[in-house]
Amino acid sequence: MDALAALLVFVVLVAAVALVVAPLRRGRTERLIAAEEARREELEAAKEAKYLEIRDAEMDFRMGKLSEADFRALDRQLRAEAVEILRDLDRLT
């Protein structure tokens, strides 16, 4: 009977710990999900802004505001930054 009582105490103790820890873990998980979603939104906004910068640079080049050499250098830089943003987005998925 002592072994059965010890087993019962152990089961009750494990259940109590599980009941106490479950909400704490859930709250942590929800915060992590919210942080990841905020980061995703930030990266999506950065991606759209970078695409706009690329389009603006192309327009400036077509209008003669940028030399071909300046445009090529700027375009290369902007596209490299866009690729990095896309990689960051891919890492989140």
N, C-alpha and C. Protein backbone atom coordinates (compact mmCIF):
# COMPACT_ATOMS: atom_id res chain seq x y z
N MET A 1 0.81 -1.19 0.00
CA MET A 1 0.00 0.00 0.00
C MET A 1 0.86 1.26 0.00
N ASP A 2 2.05 1.19 0.58
CA ASP A 2 2.92 2.35 0.61
C ASP A 2 3.39 2.73 -0.79
N ALA A 3 3.67 1.75 -1.62
CA ALA A 3 4.10 2.03 -2.99
C ALA A 3 2.96 2.68 -3.78
N LEU A 4 1.76 2.21 -3.55
CA LEU A 4 0.60 2.78 -4.23
C LEU A 4 0.36 4.22 -3.78
N ALA A 5 0.53 4.49 -2.51
CA ALA A 5 0.36 5.85 -1.99
C ALA A 5 1.44 6.77 -2.55
N ALA A 6 2.66 6.28 -2.62
CA ALA A 6 3.76 7.07 -3.17
C ALA A 6 3.51 7.37 -4.65
N LEU A 7 3.02 6.39 -5.37
CA LEU A 7 2.71 6.59 -6.78
C LEU A 7 1.60 7.61 -6.96
N LEU A 8 0.60 7.53 -6.12
CA LEU A 8 -0.51 8.48 -6.17
C LEU A 8 -0.04 9.90 -5.86
N VAL A 9 0.81 10.05 -4.87
CA VAL A 9 1.37 11.37 -4.53
C VAL A 9 2.19 11.90 -5.70
N PHE A 10 2.97 11.03 -6.32
CA PHE A 10 3.79 11.44 -7.46
C PHE A 10 2.92 11.91 -8.62
N VAL A 11 1.87 11.17 -8.93
CA VAL A 11 0.96 11.53 -10.02
C VAL A 11 0.28 12.86 -9.74
N VAL A 12 -0.16 13.07 -8.52
CA VAL A 12 -0.81 14.33 -8.15
C VAL A 12 0.19 15.48 -8.25
N LEU A 13 1.40 15.26 -7.81
CA LEU A 13 2.44 16.28 -7.88
C LEU A 13 2.75 16.66 -9.34
N VAL A 14 2.89 15.67 -10.21
CA VAL A 14 3.15 15.93 -11.63
C VAL A 14 1.99 16.69 -12.25
N ALA A 15 0.77 16.32 -11.92
CA ALA A 15 -0.41 17.01 -12.45
C ALA A 15 -0.44 18.46 -11.98
N ALA A 16 -0.11 18.69 -10.72
CA ALA A 16 -0.11 20.06 -10.19
C ALA A 16 0.94 20.92 -10.88
N VAL A 17 2.12 20.36 -11.06
CA VAL A 17 3.19 21.10 -11.75
C VAL A 17 2.77 21.39 -13.19
N ALA A 18 2.17 20.44 -13.85
CA ALA A 18 1.72 20.65 -15.23
C ALA A 18 0.68 21.75 -15.31
N LEU A 19 -0.24 21.78 -14.35
CA LEU A 19 -1.27 22.82 -14.34
C LEU A 19 -0.68 24.20 -14.09
N VAL A 20 0.35 24.29 -13.29
CA VAL A 20 0.98 25.58 -13.00
C VAL A 20 1.84 26.05 -14.17
N VAL A 21 2.56 25.14 -14.78
CA VAL A 21 3.51 25.50 -15.84
C VAL A 21 2.82 25.75 -17.18
N ALA A 22 1.73 25.10 -17.46
CA ALA A 22 1.07 25.21 -18.78
C ALA A 22 0.74 26.65 -19.17
N PRO A 23 0.11 27.44 -18.32
CA PRO A 23 -0.18 28.82 -18.72
C PRO A 23 1.08 29.66 -18.95
N LEU A 24 2.12 29.37 -18.18
CA LEU A 24 3.37 30.11 -18.35
C LEU A 24 3.99 29.81 -19.71
N ARG A 25 3.99 28.56 -20.08
CA ARG A 25 4.54 28.17 -21.39
C ARG A 25 3.71 28.73 -22.52
N ARG A 26 2.41 28.71 -22.37
CA ARG A 26 1.51 29.22 -23.40
C ARG A 26 1.74 30.72 -23.61
N GLY A 27 1.88 31.46 -22.52
CA GLY A 27 2.13 32.89 -22.62
C GLY A 27 3.44 33.18 -23.33
N ARG A 28 4.44 32.40 -23.05
CA ARG A 28 5.74 32.56 -23.71
C ARG A 28 5.62 32.27 -25.19
N THR A 29 4.91 31.23 -25.54
CA THR A 29 4.72 30.86 -26.94
C THR A 29 3.97 31.95 -27.68
N GLU A 30 2.93 32.49 -27.06
CA GLU A 30 2.16 33.56 -27.71
C GLU A 30 3.02 34.80 -27.92
N ARG A 31 3.89 35.11 -26.96
CA ARG A 31 4.78 36.27 -27.12
C ARG A 31 5.78 36.03 -28.25
N LEU A 32 6.29 34.81 -28.35
CA LEU A 32 7.23 34.49 -29.42
C LEU A 32 6.55 34.60 -30.79
N ILE A 33 5.33 34.11 -30.87
CA ILE A 33 4.58 34.19 -32.13
C ILE A 33 4.32 35.65 -32.49
N ALA A 34 3.94 36.46 -31.51
CA ALA A 34 3.68 37.88 -31.76
C ALA A 34 4.96 38.59 -32.20
N ALA A 35 6.08 38.26 -31.58
CA ALA A 35 7.35 38.89 -31.95
C ALA A 35 7.75 38.48 -33.36
N GLU A 36 7.54 37.22 -33.70
CA GLU A 36 7.86 36.76 -35.06
C GLU A 36 6.97 37.44 -36.09
N GLU A 37 5.71 37.60 -35.78
CA GLU A 37 4.78 38.26 -36.70
C GLU A 37 5.16 39.74 -36.87
N ALA A 38 5.56 40.39 -35.79
CA ALA A 38 5.99 41.79 -35.88
C ALA A 38 7.24 41.90 -36.75
N ARG A 39 8.17 40.97 -36.59
CA ARG A 39 9.39 40.97 -37.41
C ARG A 39 9.05 40.74 -38.87
N ARG A 40 8.10 39.84 -39.14
CA ARG A 40 7.69 39.56 -40.52
C ARG A 40 7.08 40.82 -41.15
N GLU A 41 6.23 41.50 -40.40
CA GLU A 41 5.61 42.73 -40.91
C GLU A 41 6.67 43.80 -41.19
N GLU A 42 7.65 43.89 -40.29
CA GLU A 42 8.74 44.85 -40.47
C GLU A 42 9.53 44.54 -41.75
N LEU A 43 9.82 43.27 -41.96
CA LEU A 43 10.58 42.87 -43.15
C LEU A 43 9.76 43.07 -44.42
N GLU A 44 8.47 42.79 -44.37
CA GLU A 44 7.61 43.02 -45.55
C GLU A 44 7.60 44.51 -45.91
N ALA A 45 7.51 45.37 -44.90
CA ALA A 45 7.53 46.81 -45.15
C ALA A 45 8.88 47.23 -45.72
N ALA A 46 9.96 46.67 -45.18
CA ALA A 46 11.30 46.98 -45.69
C ALA A 46 11.46 46.51 -47.13
N LYS A 47 10.89 45.35 -47.44
CA LYS A 47 10.95 44.83 -48.81
C LYS A 47 10.25 45.77 -49.78
N GLU A 48 9.04 46.18 -49.42
CA GLU A 48 8.29 47.10 -50.30
C GLU A 48 9.02 48.43 -50.45
N ALA A 49 9.60 48.93 -49.37
CA ALA A 49 10.35 50.19 -49.44
C ALA A 49 11.57 50.03 -50.35
N LYS A 50 12.23 48.88 -50.27
CA LYS A 50 13.42 48.66 -51.10
C LYS A 50 13.03 48.55 -52.57
N TYR A 51 11.92 47.87 -52.86
CA TYR A 51 11.43 47.79 -54.24
C TYR A 51 11.12 49.19 -54.78
N LEU A 52 10.55 50.03 -53.94
CA LEU A 52 10.25 51.40 -54.35
C LEU A 52 11.54 52.16 -54.63
N GLU A 53 12.55 51.96 -53.80
CA GLU A 53 13.85 52.61 -54.04
C GLU A 53 14.44 52.17 -55.38
N ILE A 54 14.32 50.89 -55.70
CA ILE A 54 14.84 50.38 -56.97
C ILE A 54 14.09 51.03 -58.13
N ARG A 55 12.75 51.09 -58.03
CA ARG A 55 11.97 51.73 -59.10
C ARG A 55 12.32 53.21 -59.24
N ASP A 56 12.51 53.89 -58.11
CA ASP A 56 12.88 55.31 -58.16
C ASP A 56 14.23 55.50 -58.83
N ALA A 57 15.18 54.63 -58.52
CA ALA A 57 16.50 54.73 -59.13
C ALA A 57 16.40 54.50 -60.64
N GLU A 58 15.59 53.53 -61.05
CA GLU A 58 15.40 53.28 -62.48
C GLU A 58 14.78 54.50 -63.17
N MET A 59 13.80 55.12 -62.50
CA MET A 59 13.16 56.30 -63.06
C MET A 59 14.16 57.46 -63.15
N ASP A 60 14.96 57.65 -62.12
CA ASP A 60 15.97 58.71 -62.14
C ASP A 60 16.96 58.48 -63.27
N PHE A 61 17.34 57.24 -63.51
CA PHE A 61 18.26 56.94 -64.60
C PHE A 61 17.62 57.25 -65.95
N ARG A 62 16.36 56.84 -66.13
CA ARG A 62 15.67 57.11 -67.39
C ARG A 62 15.49 58.60 -67.64
N MET A 63 15.34 59.36 -66.56
CA MET A 63 15.14 60.80 -66.71
C MET A 63 16.47 61.55 -66.82
N GLY A 64 17.57 60.84 -66.74
CA GLY A 64 18.87 61.46 -66.90
C GLY A 64 19.45 62.05 -65.62
N LYS A 65 18.85 61.75 -64.49
CA LYS A 65 19.34 62.29 -63.22
C LYS A 65 20.54 61.50 -62.69
N LEU A 66 20.72 60.29 -63.20
CA LEU A 66 21.84 59.45 -62.79
C LEU A 66 22.62 59.01 -64.03
N SER A 67 23.94 59.02 -63.91
CA SER A 67 24.74 58.48 -65.00
C SER A 67 24.60 56.96 -64.99
N GLU A 68 25.00 56.33 -66.08
CA GLU A 68 24.88 54.87 -66.14
C GLU A 68 25.74 54.21 -65.07
N ALA A 69 26.94 54.73 -64.86
CA ALA A 69 27.83 54.14 -63.85
C ALA A 69 27.22 54.29 -62.45
N ASP A 70 26.69 55.47 -62.15
CA ASP A 70 26.06 55.68 -60.85
C ASP A 70 24.84 54.79 -60.68
N PHE A 71 24.04 54.69 -61.75
CA PHE A 71 22.85 53.85 -61.68
C PHE A 71 23.23 52.40 -61.45
N ARG A 72 24.22 51.90 -62.17
CA ARG A 72 24.63 50.49 -62.02
C ARG A 72 25.09 50.21 -60.58
N ALA A 73 25.88 51.13 -60.03
CA ALA A 73 26.37 50.94 -58.67
C ALA A 73 25.22 50.98 -57.67
N LEU A 74 24.33 51.95 -57.82
CA LEU A 74 23.19 52.08 -56.92
C LEU A 74 22.25 50.88 -57.06
N ASP A 75 21.99 50.47 -58.30
CA ASP A 75 21.11 49.34 -58.54
C ASP A 75 21.67 48.07 -57.91
N ARG A 76 22.97 47.85 -58.07
CA ARG A 76 23.62 46.68 -57.48
C ARG A 76 23.47 46.69 -55.96
N GLN A 77 23.70 47.85 -55.35
CA GLN A 77 23.59 47.96 -53.90
C GLN A 77 22.16 47.72 -53.43
N LEU A 78 21.20 48.36 -54.09
CA LEU A 78 19.80 48.22 -53.68
C LEU A 78 19.31 46.78 -53.84
N ARG A 79 19.70 46.15 -54.93
CA ARG A 79 19.28 44.76 -55.14
C ARG A 79 19.92 43.81 -54.13
N ALA A 80 21.16 44.08 -53.75
CA ALA A 80 21.81 43.26 -52.72
C ALA A 80 21.09 43.41 -51.39
N GLU A 81 20.68 44.63 -51.07
CA GLU A 81 19.92 44.86 -49.84
C GLU A 81 18.56 44.17 -49.90
N ALA A 82 17.92 44.20 -51.07
CA ALA A 82 16.63 43.53 -51.23
C ALA A 82 16.78 42.02 -51.06
N VAL A 83 17.84 41.46 -51.61
CA VAL A 83 18.09 40.02 -51.47
C VAL A 83 18.27 39.65 -49.99
N GLU A 84 18.98 40.49 -49.25
CA GLU A 84 19.18 40.22 -47.83
C GLU A 84 17.85 40.24 -47.07
N ILE A 85 16.99 41.18 -47.42
CA ILE A 85 15.66 41.24 -46.79
C ILE A 85 14.87 39.98 -47.12
N LEU A 86 14.92 39.55 -48.38
CA LEU A 86 14.21 38.34 -48.78
C LEU A 86 14.75 37.11 -48.05
N ARG A 87 16.05 37.05 -47.86
CA ARG A 87 16.64 35.93 -47.11
C ARG A 87 16.16 35.93 -45.66
N ASP A 88 16.10 37.12 -45.07
CA ASP A 88 15.59 37.22 -43.70
C ASP A 88 14.15 36.74 -43.62
N LEU A 89 13.35 37.10 -44.62
CA LEU A 89 11.96 36.64 -44.66
C LEU A 89 11.89 35.12 -44.80
N ASP A 90 12.74 34.57 -45.65
CA ASP A 90 12.76 33.11 -45.83
C ASP A 90 13.13 32.39 -44.54
N ARG A 91 14.04 32.97 -43.76
CA ARG A 91 14.45 32.34 -42.50
C ARG A 91 13.30 32.25 -41.50
N LEU A 92 12.35 33.17 -41.62
CA LEU A 92 11.21 33.16 -40.70
C LEU A 92 10.20 32.07 -41.03
N THR A 93 10.24 31.56 -42.25
CA THR A 93 9.25 30.55 -42.64
C THR A 93 9.79 29.16 -42.50
